[in-house]
Amino acid sequence: MNYDDAVKYIHNISKFGSKLGLQNITELLKRLGDPHTAFPSVHIAGTNGKGSVSAMIAGMLHQAGYRVGLFISPYLEHFTERIRVNLKEIPGDDLANLVQLIKEKIDGMVEDGFNHPTEFEVVTALGFLWFARQKVDIAVVEVGLGGRLDATNVIKPLVSVITSISYDHTRILGSSLSDIAYEKGGIIKPGVPVVSYPQPAEAEKVIAALADKRGCYYHPVTSEQIRVRNDCFSEQHFDFTWKSEIWEDLIIRLSGRHQQLNAACALSCIMILKESGFDIPKEAIYAGLKNTRWPGRLEMICSNPAILLDGAHNPSGAAVLADTIRQYFSEKQIHLILGVLRDKDVEAVTGILCSAAHRVTVTRPSNPRATPPEQLAAIAEKYHSDINICFNLEEAIEHAIEWTQEDTVDEKGNSGKRMVIISGSLYLVGEARTILRNKRINTQG
């Protein structure tokens, strides 16, 4: 089995469907030698911000000299992005060898009457197996969906982190914030410290109650812990307060005001790890935060023309993008390229994003769950008068770039008033990122 065969095998498992629960992953890991027990971990659940917080925590631990595993989902461009050690993706040959081993164990499970593991269970087992083989000092593990019944919830972490909770996957997780919070809070283990992003009151009540019931030290992050020094799109400077200690002039290069609170979650986790005995020098904290990058989330991938990528795929994510446009790009004319998966809140995401645009092109990501462009256009027309349909993403990008090149010059001789934003799905953003990076490589010759 080579790398391509391995990835194809993993993706083909989707035909067995998706089923939440821990029985199958527990059995599969047992047959692999329980690799998830070979390393300590940090576990991160939430609706939005999981990836950013995971990346910041991993970055600070890496700068401190620890061998760090990072498990995330989904990926943008390459499958190997999901599993990293010391910020480096798992090599293709190693992935193929481990998938071959996992396949053999799965075949044995099926012969013994167990259900076939789901795609995410296989990826989870792959990540844990790689971390064990690489002898990581600690792994930062992002939940796939929910928390309570997510395949990653077999670990007992040193710290549990709950990022921003809002509406998403409501058909699976529940239609109220309290229901969703209960599922996310399922990662809270007895006696394990819990850090939480500032939550809506309904969700906060559930998280706090779960932490109390399970005897956990509970640290809800508050905006009072942050004092902003400088706030621009490309770089944010702030002070962070932990108990009686003030960390001055921290820098993040992740865009959006919400990233300050995400950083506060990551910093709170690091402070708890420090208090438990981890040696994390001050310099590592500053460097780890400053060096963190998280592609596809408010990422200005091109400056000329200005093209912003953001995988806003639920209403709260769309609202953050719309607020960012109003805060930093209020003088710009926005051409929105939009594609949304049909199992998302298509109406809400479309309405929020269209409200921030001057013209809109609807398209579709290469995903079987994509909303057909004609259907998406019909929804978008409720919120905007200038709606175009383009069935090919690369063509949509080319047309948008042509539009930016028609930019007018104002009375002061300034141009650059037009920009392109590609959003609505991380799958769409991942494809766009590949297209644009190839274009830039070709342009540079």
Protein backbone atom coordinates (compact mmCIF):
# COMPACT_ATOMS: atom_id res chain seq x y z
CA MET A 1 0.00 0.00 0.00
CA ASN A 2 1.43 3.39 -1.01
CA TYR A 3 0.34 6.84 0.16
CA ASP A 4 -2.34 7.33 -2.50
CA ASP A 5 -3.75 3.87 -1.81
CA ALA A 6 -3.84 4.61 1.91
CA VAL A 7 -5.70 7.90 1.53
CA LYS A 8 -8.13 6.31 -0.93
CA TYR A 9 -8.74 3.47 1.53
CA ILE A 10 -9.48 5.96 4.32
CA HIS A 11 -11.88 8.05 2.23
CA ASN A 12 -13.68 4.96 0.91
CA ILE A 13 -14.57 4.04 4.49
CA SER A 14 -17.18 6.81 4.34
CA LYS A 15 -19.48 4.27 2.66
CA PHE A 16 -19.87 2.63 6.06
CA GLY A 17 -21.42 5.85 7.35
CA SER A 18 -20.69 7.85 10.48
CA LYS A 19 -21.68 6.67 13.93
CA LEU A 20 -20.82 8.44 17.17
CA GLY A 21 -19.71 6.27 20.07
CA LEU A 22 -16.57 4.87 21.67
CA GLN A 23 -17.00 1.09 21.42
CA ASN A 24 -15.42 0.62 18.01
CA ILE A 25 -12.52 3.04 18.48
CA THR A 26 -11.78 1.46 21.86
CA GLU A 27 -11.63 -2.00 20.30
CA LEU A 28 -9.49 -0.83 17.38
CA LEU A 29 -7.03 0.92 19.68
CA LYS A 30 -6.87 -2.14 21.92
CA ARG A 31 -5.81 -4.26 18.94
CA LEU A 32 -3.17 -1.66 18.12
CA GLY A 33 -1.73 -1.78 21.64
CA ASP A 34 -3.64 1.20 23.09
CA PRO A 35 -1.30 3.84 21.65
CA HIS A 36 -3.40 6.66 23.14
CA THR A 37 -2.17 5.71 26.62
CA ALA A 38 1.48 6.24 25.64
CA PHE A 39 1.49 10.05 25.90
CA PRO A 40 -0.14 12.87 27.90
CA SER A 41 -2.47 15.19 26.04
CA VAL A 42 -4.56 18.35 25.85
CA HIS A 43 -8.11 17.89 24.51
CA ILE A 44 -9.95 20.67 22.68
CA ALA A 45 -13.66 20.84 21.76
CA GLY A 46 -15.93 23.66 20.62
CA THR A 47 -17.83 25.01 17.61
CA ASN A 48 -15.32 27.58 16.38
CA GLY A 49 -11.70 28.28 17.24
CA LYS A 50 -10.56 24.70 17.97
CA GLY A 51 -7.89 24.75 15.29
CA SER A 52 -6.48 28.16 16.21
CA VAL A 53 -6.31 27.31 19.92
CA SER A 54 -4.75 23.90 19.16
CA ALA A 55 -2.13 25.50 16.93
CA MET A 56 -1.22 28.12 19.54
CA ILE A 57 -0.89 25.57 22.34
CA ALA A 58 1.21 23.27 20.16
CA GLY A 59 3.36 26.20 19.04
CA MET A 60 4.17 27.28 22.58
CA LEU A 61 4.96 23.73 23.72
CA HIS A 62 7.15 23.21 20.65
CA GLN A 63 9.07 26.41 21.35
CA ALA A 64 9.60 25.13 24.90
CA GLY A 65 11.47 22.14 23.48
CA TYR A 66 8.80 19.48 23.88
CA ARG A 67 8.12 16.89 21.21
CA VAL A 68 4.52 17.77 20.37
CA GLY A 69 1.84 15.88 18.48
CA LEU A 70 -0.97 17.86 16.84
CA PHE A 71 -4.20 16.22 15.65
CA ILE A 72 -6.70 18.42 13.76
CA SER A 73 -9.60 18.19 11.35
CA PRO A 74 -10.43 18.81 8.63
CA TYR A 75 -7.45 19.48 6.37
CA LEU A 76 -7.29 22.22 3.76
CA GLU A 77 -5.06 20.91 0.98
CA HIS A 78 -3.25 17.74 2.04
CA PHE A 79 -4.49 14.86 4.19
CA THR A 80 -1.21 14.79 6.10
CA GLU A 81 -2.01 18.22 7.61
CA ARG A 82 -4.23 16.41 10.11
CA ILE A 83 -1.39 14.62 11.93
CA ARG A 84 1.81 16.43 12.86
CA VAL A 85 4.77 16.00 15.18
CA ASN A 86 6.84 19.08 15.98
CA LEU A 87 4.67 20.96 13.48
CA LYS A 88 5.77 18.62 10.63
CA GLU A 89 3.17 16.57 8.78
CA ILE A 90 3.30 12.79 8.91
CA PRO A 91 5.40 11.53 5.94
CA GLY A 92 3.40 9.78 3.23
CA ASP A 93 5.33 6.50 3.42
CA ASP A 94 4.87 6.27 7.18
CA LEU A 95 1.18 7.02 6.83
CA ALA A 96 0.82 4.23 4.28
CA ASN A 97 2.61 1.70 6.49
CA LEU A 98 0.46 2.52 9.50
CA VAL A 99 -2.76 2.42 7.48
CA GLN A 100 -1.79 -1.05 6.25
CA LEU A 101 -1.43 -2.18 9.86
CA ILE A 102 -4.73 -0.56 10.86
CA LYS A 103 -6.48 -2.21 7.90
CA GLU A 104 -5.29 -5.63 9.06
CA LYS A 105 -6.67 -4.97 12.54
CA ILE A 106 -9.97 -3.75 11.10
CA ASP A 107 -10.30 -6.87 8.95
CA GLY A 108 -9.88 -8.91 12.12
CA MET A 109 -12.51 -6.83 13.92
CA VAL A 110 -15.05 -7.34 11.14
CA GLU A 111 -14.36 -11.08 11.11
CA ASP A 112 -15.03 -11.11 14.85
CA GLY A 113 -18.41 -9.46 14.40
CA PHE A 114 -17.59 -5.82 15.20
CA ASN A 115 -18.90 -2.97 13.09
CA HIS A 116 -16.46 -1.53 10.59
CA PRO A 117 -14.82 1.58 12.13
CA THR A 118 -15.80 4.90 10.61
CA GLU A 119 -13.46 7.09 8.58
CA PHE A 120 -12.84 9.41 11.52
CA GLU A 121 -12.17 6.48 13.86
CA VAL A 122 -9.50 5.23 11.48
CA VAL A 123 -7.91 8.69 11.23
CA THR A 124 -7.99 9.01 15.02
CA ALA A 125 -6.29 5.63 15.45
CA LEU A 126 -3.73 6.63 12.83
CA GLY A 127 -2.92 9.85 14.66
CA PHE A 128 -2.58 8.20 18.06
CA LEU A 129 -0.45 5.41 16.60
CA TRP A 130 1.91 7.91 14.96
CA PHE A 131 2.23 9.92 18.16
CA ALA A 132 3.07 6.76 20.13
CA ARG A 133 5.61 5.63 17.54
CA GLN A 134 7.18 9.09 17.56
CA LYS A 135 7.32 9.11 21.36
CA VAL A 136 5.77 12.55 21.70
CA ASP A 137 6.05 14.29 25.06
CA ILE A 138 2.50 15.59 24.74
CA ALA A 139 -0.24 15.66 22.08
CA VAL A 140 -2.72 18.44 21.37
CA VAL A 141 -5.89 16.70 20.17
CA GLU A 142 -8.78 18.47 18.48
CA VAL A 143 -12.24 16.90 18.63
CA GLY A 144 -13.80 15.96 15.30
CA LEU A 145 -17.50 16.45 16.08
CA GLY A 146 -19.17 17.17 19.38
CA GLY A 147 -17.08 15.68 22.15
CA ARG A 148 -18.92 13.22 24.36
CA LEU A 149 -19.13 10.49 21.72
CA ASP A 150 -16.28 11.67 19.49
CA ALA A 151 -13.61 9.07 18.73
CA THR A 152 -10.92 11.25 20.32
CA ASN A 153 -12.70 11.09 23.68
CA VAL A 154 -10.86 7.91 24.68
CA ILE A 155 -7.99 10.04 26.00
CA LYS A 156 -7.69 11.35 29.54
CA PRO A 157 -6.00 14.73 29.06
CA LEU A 158 -4.04 16.95 31.40
CA VAL A 159 -6.27 19.88 30.45
CA SER A 160 -9.61 20.11 28.63
CA VAL A 161 -10.33 23.25 26.59
CA ILE A 162 -13.79 24.30 25.37
CA THR A 163 -13.66 26.96 22.66
CA SER A 164 -16.55 29.12 21.44
CA ILE A 165 -19.89 27.26 21.43
CA SER A 166 -22.59 28.18 18.92
CA TYR A 167 -25.02 26.49 16.54
CA ASP A 168 -23.62 23.88 14.14
CA HIS A 169 -24.35 20.21 13.43
CA THR A 170 -27.68 20.72 15.20
CA ARG A 171 -29.18 17.55 13.74
CA ILE A 172 -26.53 15.55 15.56
CA LEU A 173 -25.69 17.64 18.62
CA GLY A 174 -29.08 19.15 19.42
CA SER A 175 -31.04 22.28 18.58
CA SER A 176 -30.31 24.28 21.75
CA LEU A 177 -27.06 25.75 23.05
CA SER A 178 -27.46 23.76 26.25
CA ASP A 179 -27.71 20.51 24.28
CA ILE A 180 -24.67 21.42 22.18
CA ALA A 181 -22.71 22.48 25.27
CA TYR A 182 -23.51 19.16 26.95
CA GLU A 183 -22.05 17.27 23.98
CA LYS A 184 -18.97 19.52 23.80
CA GLY A 185 -18.56 19.29 27.56
CA GLY A 186 -18.42 15.53 27.27
CA ILE A 187 -14.63 15.82 27.04
CA ILE A 188 -14.53 17.03 30.66
CA LYS A 189 -13.01 14.21 32.73
CA PRO A 190 -13.11 13.80 36.53
CA GLY A 191 -10.46 15.94 38.18
CA VAL A 192 -9.06 17.32 34.90
CA PRO A 193 -8.77 21.15 34.75
CA VAL A 194 -11.11 22.87 32.28
CA VAL A 195 -10.55 26.11 30.35
CA SER A 196 -13.52 27.69 28.59
CA TYR A 197 -13.88 30.51 26.08
CA PRO A 198 -16.44 33.18 27.13
CA GLN A 199 -19.71 31.38 26.37
CA PRO A 200 -23.32 32.41 25.94
CA ALA A 201 -25.07 32.14 29.32
CA GLU A 202 -27.01 29.01 28.30
CA ALA A 203 -23.83 27.16 27.32
CA GLU A 204 -21.76 28.52 30.22
CA LYS A 205 -24.25 27.15 32.74
CA VAL A 206 -23.90 23.64 31.32
CA ILE A 207 -20.08 23.69 31.12
CA ALA A 208 -19.72 25.06 34.64
CA ALA A 209 -22.13 22.43 36.01
CA LEU A 210 -20.28 19.59 34.29
CA ALA A 211 -16.95 20.81 35.66
CA ASP A 212 -18.38 21.08 39.16
CA LYS A 213 -20.03 17.66 39.02
CA ARG A 214 -16.77 16.04 37.91
CA GLY A 215 -14.62 17.81 40.49
CA CYS A 216 -12.61 19.88 38.00
CA TYR A 217 -10.75 23.14 38.45
CA TYR A 218 -12.75 25.41 36.14
CA HIS A 219 -11.26 28.50 34.50
CA PRO A 220 -13.68 30.51 32.35
CA VAL A 221 -11.70 32.98 30.26
CA THR A 222 -12.99 36.57 30.43
CA SER A 223 -12.42 39.63 28.29
CA GLU A 224 -11.01 41.35 31.42
CA GLN A 225 -7.92 39.15 31.08
CA ILE A 226 -7.08 40.94 27.83
CA ARG A 227 -5.88 44.53 27.47
CA VAL A 228 -5.43 45.49 23.82
CA ARG A 229 -2.33 47.53 22.98
CA ASN A 230 -2.54 47.54 19.20
CA ASP A 231 -5.13 45.97 16.96
CA CYS A 232 -4.65 45.79 13.20
CA PHE A 233 -5.59 43.10 10.71
CA SER A 234 -2.17 41.51 10.35
CA GLU A 235 -0.89 41.78 13.92
CA GLN A 236 -2.41 42.21 17.39
CA HIS A 237 -0.56 43.25 20.56
CA PHE A 238 -2.14 42.71 23.98
CA ASP A 239 -1.49 42.07 27.66
CA PHE A 240 -2.80 38.93 29.35
CA THR A 241 -3.55 38.52 33.04
CA TRP A 242 -3.28 35.13 34.76
CA LYS A 243 -4.24 35.35 38.43
CA SER A 244 -1.89 38.06 39.78
CA GLU A 245 0.58 37.83 36.89
CA ILE A 246 0.52 40.11 33.84
CA TRP A 247 2.12 39.06 30.56
CA GLU A 248 2.86 42.25 28.68
CA ASP A 249 2.87 42.92 24.95
CA LEU A 250 2.08 39.46 23.61
CA ILE A 251 1.77 39.32 19.81
CA ILE A 252 -0.41 37.17 17.58
CA ARG A 253 -0.53 37.25 13.80
CA LEU A 254 -3.93 35.60 13.54
CA SER A 255 -6.55 38.10 12.38
CA GLY A 256 -9.82 38.97 14.08
CA ARG A 257 -10.61 40.22 17.57
CA HIS A 258 -11.88 36.77 18.56
CA GLN A 259 -8.32 35.49 18.23
CA GLN A 260 -7.33 37.50 21.31
CA LEU A 261 -9.78 35.41 23.35
CA ASN A 262 -8.64 32.24 21.60
CA ALA A 263 -5.10 33.19 22.61
CA ALA A 264 -6.32 33.70 26.19
CA CYS A 265 -7.69 30.13 26.14
CA ALA A 266 -4.39 28.78 24.82
CA LEU A 267 -2.42 30.82 27.36
CA SER A 268 -4.65 29.64 30.23
CA CYS A 269 -4.01 26.04 29.20
CA ILE A 270 -0.27 26.69 29.12
CA MET A 271 -0.38 28.33 32.56
CA ILE A 272 -2.12 25.25 33.98
CA LEU A 273 0.48 22.99 32.38
CA LYS A 274 3.23 25.16 33.89
CA GLU A 275 1.63 24.84 37.31
CA SER A 276 1.52 21.06 36.87
CA GLY A 277 5.27 20.88 36.23
CA PHE A 278 5.85 21.59 32.53
CA ASP A 279 8.89 23.77 31.92
CA ILE A 280 7.65 26.42 29.51
CA PRO A 281 9.93 29.48 29.50
CA LYS A 282 8.61 32.98 28.95
CA GLU A 283 10.45 33.20 25.62
CA ALA A 284 8.69 30.07 24.36
CA ILE A 285 5.29 31.54 25.14
CA TYR A 286 6.00 34.77 23.28
CA ALA A 287 7.60 33.03 20.29
CA GLY A 288 5.01 30.26 20.13
CA LEU A 289 2.14 32.72 19.92
CA LYS A 290 3.84 35.08 17.48
CA ASN A 291 4.86 32.29 15.11
CA THR A 292 1.47 30.57 14.99
CA ARG A 293 -0.18 30.55 11.59
CA TRP A 294 -3.56 29.04 10.76
CA PRO A 295 -4.21 28.94 7.00
CA GLY A 296 -7.67 29.42 5.60
CA ARG A 297 -8.98 31.44 8.53
CA LEU A 298 -9.01 35.19 7.77
CA GLU A 299 -5.94 34.56 5.65
CA MET A 300 -4.87 37.33 3.26
CA ILE A 301 -3.27 34.99 0.76
CA CYS A 302 -2.64 37.69 -1.88
CA SER A 303 -2.12 41.42 -1.52
CA ASN A 304 -2.20 42.39 -5.19
CA PRO A 305 -4.96 41.73 -5.88
CA ALA A 306 -6.23 41.54 -2.30
CA ILE A 307 -7.72 38.07 -1.76
CA LEU A 308 -8.92 36.93 1.65
CA LEU A 309 -9.73 33.31 2.51
CA ASP A 310 -11.96 32.38 5.41
CA GLY A 311 -13.68 29.06 6.04
CA ALA A 312 -16.73 30.61 7.74
CA HIS A 313 -19.11 27.65 7.56
CA ASN A 314 -21.62 28.39 10.32
CA PRO A 315 -23.53 31.52 11.39
CA SER A 316 -21.13 32.54 14.15
CA GLY A 317 -18.13 32.13 11.85
CA ALA A 318 -19.89 34.12 9.14
CA ALA A 319 -20.68 36.87 11.66
CA VAL A 320 -16.99 37.09 12.64
CA LEU A 321 -16.00 37.47 8.99
CA ALA A 322 -18.66 40.12 8.39
CA ASP A 323 -17.52 42.04 11.48
CA THR A 324 -13.89 41.80 10.31
CA ILE A 325 -14.84 43.24 6.92
CA ARG A 326 -16.63 46.15 8.59
CA GLN A 327 -13.74 46.74 11.01
CA TYR A 328 -10.76 46.55 8.65
CA PHE A 329 -12.08 46.80 5.08
CA SER A 330 -15.03 49.19 5.29
CA GLU A 331 -13.69 51.24 2.36
CA LYS A 332 -13.29 48.21 0.12
CA GLN A 333 -15.66 46.91 -2.52
CA ILE A 334 -16.03 43.20 -1.80
CA HIS A 335 -16.46 40.46 -4.40
CA LEU A 336 -17.61 37.40 -2.47
CA ILE A 337 -17.06 33.92 -3.89
CA LEU A 338 -19.40 31.70 -1.90
CA GLY A 339 -19.86 27.94 -1.59
CA VAL A 340 -21.67 26.23 1.31
CA LEU A 341 -22.30 22.61 2.23
CA ARG A 342 -25.98 21.72 2.28
CA ASP A 343 -25.85 20.20 5.78
CA LYS A 344 -24.88 23.60 7.20
CA ASP A 345 -27.21 26.50 8.00
CA VAL A 346 -27.07 27.64 4.38
CA GLU A 347 -29.69 30.36 4.76
CA ALA A 348 -28.03 32.05 7.72
CA VAL A 349 -24.45 31.80 6.42
CA THR A 350 -25.48 33.11 3.00
CA GLY A 351 -27.50 36.00 4.42
CA ILE A 352 -24.71 37.17 6.74
CA LEU A 353 -21.95 36.98 4.13
CA CYS A 354 -23.98 38.51 1.31
CA SER A 355 -24.78 41.48 3.52
CA ALA A 356 -21.06 42.34 3.64
CA ALA A 357 -20.45 42.07 -0.13
CA HIS A 358 -20.88 44.37 -3.12
CA ARG A 359 -21.17 41.52 -5.61
CA VAL A 360 -21.48 37.76 -5.16
CA THR A 361 -20.47 34.73 -7.20
CA VAL A 362 -21.87 31.42 -6.00
CA THR A 363 -20.04 28.21 -6.80
CA ARG A 364 -19.48 24.84 -5.14
CA PRO A 365 -16.63 23.02 -3.45
CA SER A 366 -15.72 19.57 -4.80
CA ASN A 367 -17.68 17.79 -2.13
CA PRO A 368 -20.78 15.59 -2.47
CA ARG A 369 -22.41 17.58 0.35
CA ALA A 370 -22.10 20.89 -1.54
CA THR A 371 -25.20 23.00 -2.08
CA PRO A 372 -25.90 23.14 -5.87
CA PRO A 373 -24.99 26.61 -7.19
CA GLU A 374 -28.48 27.21 -8.61
CA GLN A 375 -30.01 26.51 -5.21
CA LEU A 376 -27.45 28.66 -3.44
CA ALA A 377 -28.07 31.50 -5.92
CA ALA A 378 -31.81 31.37 -5.18
CA ILE A 379 -31.05 31.81 -1.48
CA ALA A 380 -28.47 34.54 -2.09
CA GLU A 381 -30.93 36.53 -4.21
CA LYS A 382 -33.00 37.11 -1.08
CA TYR A 383 -30.12 39.13 0.35
CA HIS A 384 -28.33 40.64 -2.66
CA SER A 385 -29.19 41.95 -6.11
CA ASP A 386 -25.90 41.20 -7.88
CA ILE A 387 -25.64 37.38 -7.89
CA ASN A 388 -23.63 35.40 -10.45
CA ILE A 389 -23.32 31.64 -10.86
CA CYS A 390 -20.06 29.92 -11.76
CA PHE A 391 -19.83 26.13 -11.65
CA ASN A 392 -16.04 26.09 -11.71
CA LEU A 393 -14.10 27.59 -8.80
CA GLU A 394 -11.00 28.41 -10.82
CA GLU A 395 -13.09 30.31 -13.35
CA ALA A 396 -14.87 32.13 -10.53
CA ILE A 397 -11.51 33.21 -9.12
CA GLU A 398 -10.27 34.35 -12.55
CA HIS A 399 -13.39 36.46 -13.11
CA ALA A 400 -13.06 38.00 -9.65
CA ILE A 401 -9.41 38.87 -10.25
CA GLU A 402 -10.35 40.48 -13.58
CA TRP A 403 -12.92 42.56 -11.70
CA THR A 404 -10.27 43.80 -9.26
CA GLN A 405 -8.07 44.83 -12.20
CA GLU A 406 -10.86 47.12 -13.42
CA ASP A 407 -10.41 49.08 -10.19
CA THR A 408 -11.09 52.78 -10.53
CA VAL A 409 -8.72 55.53 -9.43
CA ASP A 410 -10.07 58.06 -6.93
CA GLU A 411 -9.58 61.83 -6.99
CA LYS A 412 -6.29 61.41 -5.08
CA GLY A 413 -4.96 58.90 -7.57
CA ASN A 414 -5.43 55.93 -5.23
CA SER A 415 -6.71 52.57 -6.41
CA GLY A 416 -6.90 49.21 -4.70
CA LYS A 417 -10.46 49.66 -3.50
CA ARG A 418 -11.55 46.22 -4.63
CA MET A 419 -10.88 42.89 -2.94
CA VAL A 420 -12.00 39.27 -3.22
CA ILE A 421 -13.20 37.13 -0.33
CA ILE A 422 -13.66 33.37 -0.70
CA SER A 423 -15.73 31.77 2.03
CA GLY A 424 -18.61 29.54 3.16
CA SER A 425 -16.76 26.24 3.45
CA LEU A 426 -13.30 25.07 4.49
CA TYR A 427 -13.40 22.66 1.55
CA LEU A 428 -13.92 25.59 -0.85
CA VAL A 429 -11.15 27.55 0.86
CA GLY A 430 -8.75 24.61 0.64
CA GLU A 431 -9.34 24.27 -3.10
CA ALA A 432 -9.02 28.02 -3.61
CA ARG A 433 -5.78 28.07 -1.66
CA THR A 434 -4.27 25.45 -3.96
CA ILE A 435 -5.44 27.29 -7.07
CA LEU A 436 -4.11 30.64 -5.89
CA ARG A 437 -0.76 29.31 -4.70
CA ASN A 438 -0.26 27.63 -8.08
CA LYS A 439 -1.11 30.88 -9.82
CA ARG A 440 1.38 32.79 -7.72
CA ILE A 441 4.11 30.21 -8.40
CA ASN A 442 3.44 30.42 -12.11
CA THR A 443 3.45 34.22 -12.04
CA GLN A 444 6.78 34.31 -10.25
CA GLY A 445 8.14 31.99 -12.92
